[in-house]
């Protein structure tokens, strides 16, 4: 049945089903920006239901390896993902591979289109940081990648997908290390500024901090914002309108920590004097502020190396099973 579909499903047959031209269908895969969004959606849906995307990629994959790794990040402007992409590309070049790097802009529609493109390009593997940090997120393209036997290495954001390998930060341990550091400072009042409530990263880091501090301090407040500077800034600003200044703010990622620093500057507070700050993830260029900011830092080069290594191993050895690598942070 699969062989029959492989021979019959073509650009022409997809075009005929939709009553559009062959050129329109071809552009949907090669230059989607030139196709009307409604038409593009119809073409991709029909191609998927007919098996065209799968079959087009399968022909490439059987021919030979492309020596290309696809890298998909949710926000290349974020220092963490930008640095990872750079490090992965350098490691890929050392191993004789090229990379195709895409930014999904935190959009499920764009993420879906990127994956379709990478399938069409016949990449050997895909290193993927999905748009959602909710583990229950399960985009339809994962099944297509599994059917095609295209190895997927998830980075930073875990999913319930058995066929995917993964490289993840030990977020629970990050929180525990942060909490133990705070205990060593004999704090009484701590405010944790975190990402969204439905984020696994947020949840695990908060659980770690809370477990370490439970019953040992007078007050622990959790503020849910987002993983970016300005939402964290606004959350901290709102907090002090009705609550006392804590001994410590804890920023659960580098952008959140920057938001807390901005909050301190705008409110004429001297960081590490009027209020102290502890960051999870290293604060970029922290020395320019003239203060020492302790943090739980992660080795982005190690994360990149492990992800690239997993991708190549699975692409070149059919017997390699999906596996996970956990990266621990280090107090600095």
Protein backbone atom coordinates (compact mmCIF):
# COMPACT_ATOMS: atom_id res chain seq x y z
CA UNK A 1 0.00 0.00 0.00
CA UNK A 2 2.81 2.42 0.92
CA UNK A 3 4.65 1.58 -2.31
CA UNK A 4 1.49 2.19 -4.34
CA UNK A 5 0.96 5.59 -2.76
CA UNK A 6 4.64 6.42 -3.33
CA UNK A 7 4.20 6.00 -7.08
CA UNK A 8 0.81 7.70 -7.45
CA UNK A 9 0.88 10.77 -5.22
CA UNK A 10 2.44 13.67 -7.15
CA UNK A 11 2.23 17.44 -7.37
CA UNK A 12 -0.22 16.94 -10.23
CA UNK A 13 -2.55 14.71 -8.21
CA UNK A 14 -2.60 17.17 -5.31
CA UNK A 15 -3.31 20.00 -7.75
CA UNK A 16 -6.10 18.02 -9.40
CA UNK A 17 -7.83 17.32 -6.08
CA UNK A 18 -7.86 21.05 -5.24
CA UNK A 19 -8.50 22.26 -8.80
CA UNK A 20 -5.43 24.50 -8.70
CA UNK A 21 -2.34 24.63 -10.90
CA UNK A 22 0.73 22.45 -10.42
CA UNK A 23 2.77 25.65 -10.00
CA UNK A 24 0.60 26.71 -7.06
CA UNK A 25 1.17 23.39 -5.29
CA UNK A 26 4.91 23.54 -6.01
CA UNK A 27 5.14 27.07 -4.61
CA UNK A 28 3.34 25.97 -1.45
CA UNK A 29 6.40 23.83 -0.65
CA UNK A 30 9.20 25.90 -2.14
CA UNK A 31 8.00 29.52 -1.69
CA UNK A 32 5.01 29.48 0.70
CA UNK A 33 5.22 33.24 1.16
CA UNK A 34 4.08 33.62 -2.48
CA UNK A 35 0.88 31.62 -1.94
CA UNK A 36 -2.32 33.08 -0.47
CA UNK A 37 -2.61 31.87 3.17
CA UNK A 38 -5.99 30.17 2.60
CA UNK A 39 -4.70 28.39 -0.49
CA UNK A 40 -1.51 27.40 1.30
CA UNK A 41 -3.51 25.88 4.14
CA UNK A 42 -5.65 23.88 1.69
CA UNK A 43 -2.61 22.63 -0.24
CA UNK A 44 -0.74 21.50 2.87
CA UNK A 45 -3.81 19.78 4.30
CA UNK A 46 -4.51 17.95 1.04
CA UNK A 47 -0.86 16.98 0.58
CA UNK A 48 -0.72 15.58 4.10
CA UNK A 49 -3.96 13.59 3.74
CA UNK A 50 -2.79 12.17 0.40
CA UNK A 51 0.69 11.35 1.70
CA UNK A 52 2.54 13.63 -0.69
CA UNK A 53 4.81 15.28 1.91
CA UNK A 54 5.79 11.91 3.33
CA UNK A 55 6.45 10.39 -0.05
CA UNK A 56 8.43 13.33 -1.44
CA UNK A 57 10.73 13.22 1.54
CA UNK A 58 11.01 9.44 1.47
CA UNK A 59 12.45 9.53 -2.05
CA UNK A 60 15.20 11.90 -0.91
CA UNK A 61 15.93 9.96 2.25
CA UNK A 62 16.36 6.67 0.37
CA UNK A 63 18.75 8.24 -2.14
CA UNK A 64 21.45 9.38 0.26
CA UNK A 65 22.13 11.42 3.35
CA UNK A 66 21.94 15.16 2.95
CA UNK A 67 24.61 15.82 5.63
CA UNK A 68 22.28 18.55 6.86
CA UNK A 69 20.73 19.06 10.29
CA UNK A 70 17.63 21.20 10.75
CA UNK A 71 17.56 23.44 13.84
CA UNK A 72 14.28 25.00 14.95
CA UNK A 73 14.12 27.50 17.83
CA UNK A 74 11.08 29.37 19.19
CA UNK A 75 12.79 32.75 19.51
CA UNK A 76 16.22 33.44 18.05
CA UNK A 77 16.27 36.89 19.67
CA UNK A 78 16.44 35.19 23.07
CA UNK A 79 20.13 34.92 24.07
CA UNK A 80 19.76 31.30 25.19
CA UNK A 81 18.36 30.04 21.88
CA UNK A 82 20.57 32.30 19.77
CA UNK A 83 23.70 31.04 21.52
CA UNK A 84 22.54 27.43 21.22
CA UNK A 85 22.01 27.77 17.46
CA UNK A 86 25.50 29.22 17.05
CA UNK A 87 27.13 26.48 19.14
CA UNK A 88 25.21 23.73 17.32
CA UNK A 89 26.26 25.10 13.94
CA UNK A 90 29.92 25.18 14.97
CA UNK A 91 29.71 21.58 16.24
CA UNK A 92 27.93 20.49 13.06
CA UNK A 93 30.66 21.98 10.86
CA UNK A 94 33.30 20.10 12.86
CA UNK A 95 31.41 16.88 12.10
CA UNK A 96 31.05 17.68 8.39
CA UNK A 97 27.39 18.72 8.51
CA UNK A 98 25.58 21.84 7.39
CA UNK A 99 22.66 23.35 9.30
CA UNK A 100 19.37 24.91 8.31
CA UNK A 101 18.29 27.25 11.12
CA UNK A 102 14.74 28.48 11.56
CA UNK A 103 12.92 30.71 14.02
CA UNK A 104 9.32 29.65 14.67
CA UNK A 105 8.54 32.98 16.39
CA UNK A 106 6.51 31.12 19.04
CA UNK A 107 3.91 30.37 16.33
CA UNK A 108 2.42 26.92 15.85
CA UNK A 109 1.51 27.71 12.25
CA UNK A 110 5.07 28.76 11.42
CA UNK A 111 6.49 25.78 13.32
CA UNK A 112 4.32 23.40 11.28
CA UNK A 113 5.42 25.03 8.02
CA UNK A 114 9.10 24.86 9.01
CA UNK A 115 8.88 21.14 9.73
CA UNK A 116 7.23 20.55 6.34
CA UNK A 117 10.08 22.44 4.67
CA UNK A 118 12.75 20.46 6.52
CA UNK A 119 11.05 17.22 5.49
CA UNK A 120 11.04 18.38 1.90
CA UNK A 121 14.73 19.30 2.09
CA UNK A 122 15.54 15.78 3.26
CA UNK A 123 17.47 16.72 6.39
CA UNK A 124 19.17 13.88 8.24
CA UNK A 125 17.79 14.96 11.63
CA UNK A 126 15.99 17.82 13.34
CA UNK A 127 17.02 19.52 16.58
CA UNK A 128 13.85 21.10 17.88
CA UNK A 129 12.89 23.49 20.67
CA UNK A 130 9.11 23.58 20.39
CA UNK A 131 6.95 26.67 20.85
CA UNK A 132 5.36 25.38 24.05
CA UNK A 133 6.93 24.41 27.37
CA UNK A 134 3.79 22.41 28.22
CA UNK A 135 4.69 18.71 28.09
CA UNK A 136 1.20 17.83 26.80
CA UNK A 137 1.84 19.83 23.61
CA UNK A 138 1.81 17.26 20.82
CA UNK A 139 1.86 18.71 17.28
CA UNK A 140 0.65 16.48 14.45
CA UNK A 141 3.97 16.66 12.60
CA UNK A 142 5.62 14.44 15.24
CA UNK A 143 3.75 11.42 13.87
CA UNK A 144 4.83 12.30 10.33
CA UNK A 145 8.48 12.54 11.41
CA UNK A 146 8.21 9.20 13.16
CA UNK A 147 6.71 7.59 10.04
CA UNK A 148 9.55 8.99 7.94
CA UNK A 149 12.10 7.85 10.52
CA UNK A 150 13.62 11.33 10.70
CA UNK A 151 15.41 11.55 14.07
CA UNK A 152 14.24 14.35 16.35
CA UNK A 153 16.23 15.73 19.27
CA UNK A 154 14.22 17.94 21.59
CA UNK A 155 16.12 20.66 23.44
CA UNK A 156 15.10 22.44 26.65
CA UNK A 157 11.36 21.72 26.28
CA UNK A 158 10.29 18.12 26.83
CA UNK A 159 7.33 16.42 25.16
CA UNK A 160 5.57 13.09 25.63
CA UNK A 161 7.06 11.60 22.46
CA UNK A 162 8.82 8.26 22.83
CA UNK A 163 10.55 8.39 19.45
CA UNK A 164 12.31 11.69 20.24
CA UNK A 165 15.69 12.02 21.89
CA UNK A 166 16.24 14.98 24.17
CA UNK A 167 18.72 17.26 25.93
CA UNK A 168 17.23 18.97 28.95
CA UNK A 169 18.26 21.18 31.82
CA UNK A 170 17.63 19.70 35.26
CA UNK A 171 15.17 22.40 36.26
CA UNK A 172 14.23 20.83 39.58
CA UNK A 173 17.89 20.73 40.60
CA UNK A 174 18.28 24.39 39.51
CA UNK A 175 15.56 25.34 41.95
CA UNK A 176 17.02 23.23 44.73
CA UNK A 177 20.46 24.79 44.26
CA UNK A 178 18.92 28.27 44.30
CA UNK A 179 16.96 27.47 47.46
CA UNK A 180 20.01 26.11 49.25
CA UNK A 181 22.00 29.21 48.33
CA UNK A 182 19.25 31.40 49.79
CA UNK A 183 19.26 29.37 52.99
CA UNK A 184 22.99 29.99 53.31
CA UNK A 185 22.23 33.73 53.26
CA UNK A 186 19.72 33.35 56.13
CA UNK A 187 16.95 35.09 54.22
CA UNK A 188 13.48 35.68 55.66
CA UNK A 189 11.47 36.93 52.66
CA UNK A 190 11.92 35.72 49.05
CA UNK A 191 10.02 36.58 45.86
CA UNK A 192 10.38 34.25 42.88
CA UNK A 193 9.54 35.78 39.50
CA UNK A 194 8.75 33.00 37.07
CA UNK A 195 7.36 32.17 33.66
CA UNK A 196 3.78 31.04 32.91
CA UNK A 197 1.96 28.67 35.26
CA UNK A 198 1.53 26.01 32.56
CA UNK A 199 5.27 25.88 31.83
CA UNK A 200 7.10 22.76 32.96
CA UNK A 201 10.29 24.79 33.26
CA UNK A 202 8.57 27.25 35.60
CA UNK A 203 6.90 24.53 37.62
CA UNK A 204 10.05 22.48 38.21
CA UNK A 205 12.21 25.47 39.15
CA UNK A 206 9.57 26.75 41.55
CA UNK A 207 9.14 23.30 43.10
CA UNK A 208 12.89 23.11 43.67
CA UNK A 209 13.11 26.52 45.33
CA UNK A 210 10.00 25.87 47.43
CA UNK A 211 11.20 22.45 48.58
CA UNK A 212 14.55 23.84 49.73
CA UNK A 213 12.97 26.78 51.59
CA UNK A 214 9.89 25.06 53.00
CA UNK A 215 9.44 25.94 56.67
CA UNK A 216 12.83 27.66 56.82
CA UNK A 217 11.84 31.25 55.95
CA UNK A 218 9.02 33.58 56.95
CA UNK A 219 7.60 34.36 53.50
CA UNK A 220 7.89 32.99 49.95
CA UNK A 221 5.89 34.64 47.15
CA UNK A 222 5.64 33.36 43.58
CA UNK A 223 4.94 35.80 40.72
CA UNK A 224 4.00 34.29 37.35
CA UNK A 225 4.90 36.48 34.38
CA UNK A 226 6.61 35.27 31.21
CA UNK A 227 10.15 34.35 30.19
CA UNK A 228 10.91 37.87 28.96
CA UNK A 229 12.23 41.07 30.52
CA UNK A 230 9.24 43.42 30.40
CA UNK A 231 6.60 41.03 31.84
CA UNK A 232 9.00 40.34 34.73
CA UNK A 233 9.59 44.07 35.19
CA UNK A 234 5.86 44.73 35.38
CA UNK A 235 5.26 41.82 37.78
CA UNK A 236 7.93 43.09 40.20
CA UNK A 237 6.61 46.66 39.94
CA UNK A 238 3.06 45.58 40.74
CA UNK A 239 4.25 43.50 43.65
CA UNK A 240 5.87 46.33 45.59
CA UNK A 241 2.77 48.50 45.22
CA UNK A 242 1.14 46.45 47.98
CA UNK A 243 3.87 44.27 49.47
CA UNK A 244 7.15 44.91 51.30
CA UNK A 245 10.47 44.65 49.51
CA UNK A 246 11.90 41.12 49.91
CA UNK A 247 15.40 40.17 50.96
CA UNK A 248 15.88 38.43 47.60
CA UNK A 249 14.28 38.38 44.18
CA UNK A 250 14.86 35.13 42.27
CA UNK A 251 14.68 35.39 38.48
CA UNK A 252 13.95 31.98 36.96
CA UNK A 253 15.69 32.76 33.69
CA UNK A 254 18.12 35.38 32.40
CA UNK A 255 15.51 37.63 30.77
CA UNK A 256 13.42 37.63 33.95
CA UNK A 257 16.52 38.60 35.93
CA UNK A 258 17.12 41.50 33.53
CA UNK A 259 13.54 42.61 34.15
CA UNK A 260 14.20 42.62 37.89
CA UNK A 261 17.39 44.64 37.37
CA UNK A 262 15.43 47.17 35.30
CA UNK A 263 12.83 47.31 38.07
CA UNK A 264 15.56 48.09 40.62
CA UNK A 265 17.10 50.82 38.46
CA UNK A 266 13.75 52.50 37.70
CA UNK A 267 12.75 52.41 41.37
CA UNK A 268 16.15 53.77 42.46
CA UNK A 269 17.04 50.59 44.31
CA UNK A 270 20.64 49.44 44.43
CA UNK A 271 20.82 45.73 43.51
CA UNK A 272 22.63 43.58 46.07
CA UNK A 273 22.28 46.40 48.63
CA UNK A 274 18.65 47.50 48.92
CA UNK A 275 17.46 44.17 47.57
CA UNK A 276 19.45 41.14 46.44
CA UNK A 277 19.05 39.14 43.25
CA UNK A 278 19.71 35.49 42.44
CA UNK A 279 19.34 34.30 38.86
CA UNK A 280 18.65 30.89 37.37
CA UNK A 281 20.55 30.97 34.07
CA UNK A 282 23.51 33.26 33.69
CA UNK A 283 22.69 36.96 33.33
CA UNK A 284 24.29 38.15 30.05
CA UNK A 285 27.00 40.80 30.46
CA UNK A 286 26.17 41.10 34.16
CA UNK A 287 29.46 42.85 34.91
CA UNK A 288 28.36 46.02 33.08
CA UNK A 289 25.94 46.75 35.94
CA UNK A 290 28.81 46.98 38.38
CA UNK A 291 27.41 44.34 40.72
CA UNK A 292 28.04 40.67 41.33
CA UNK A 293 24.97 38.60 40.51
CA UNK A 294 25.06 34.99 41.71
CA UNK A 295 23.34 32.57 39.36
CA UNK A 296 22.78 28.92 38.51
CA UNK A 297 24.58 28.83 35.15
CA UNK A 298 24.29 26.29 32.34
CA UNK A 299 26.92 25.32 29.82
CA UNK A 300 25.31 26.10 26.45
CA UNK A 301 28.23 24.53 24.61
CA UNK A 302 27.61 21.24 26.41
CA UNK A 303 23.90 21.38 25.60
CA UNK A 304 24.68 22.07 21.92
CA UNK A 305 27.32 19.34 21.73
CA UNK A 306 25.05 16.72 23.28
CA UNK A 307 22.12 17.62 21.02
CA UNK A 308 24.22 17.55 17.85
CA UNK A 309 25.86 14.29 18.90
CA UNK A 310 22.49 12.61 19.53
CA UNK A 311 21.18 13.83 16.17
CA UNK A 312 24.14 12.48 14.19
CA UNK A 313 24.23 9.16 16.02
CA UNK A 314 20.57 8.51 15.32
CA UNK A 315 20.92 9.68 11.70
CA UNK A 316 23.87 7.41 10.96
CA UNK A 317 23.05 4.34 13.06
CA UNK A 318 19.59 2.83 12.66
CA UNK A 319 20.09 0.76 15.81
CA UNK A 320 20.55 3.82 18.04
CA UNK A 321 17.51 4.22 20.26
CA UNK A 322 16.06 7.53 21.47
CA UNK A 323 17.73 8.68 24.68
CA UNK A 324 17.89 11.68 26.98
CA UNK A 325 20.75 13.74 28.35
CA UNK A 326 20.20 15.84 31.47
CA UNK A 327 22.40 18.89 32.03
CA UNK A 328 22.87 20.20 35.57
CA UNK A 329 23.44 23.84 36.37
CA UNK A 330 26.33 25.15 38.45
CA UNK A 331 26.22 27.86 41.09
CA UNK A 332 28.39 30.79 40.06
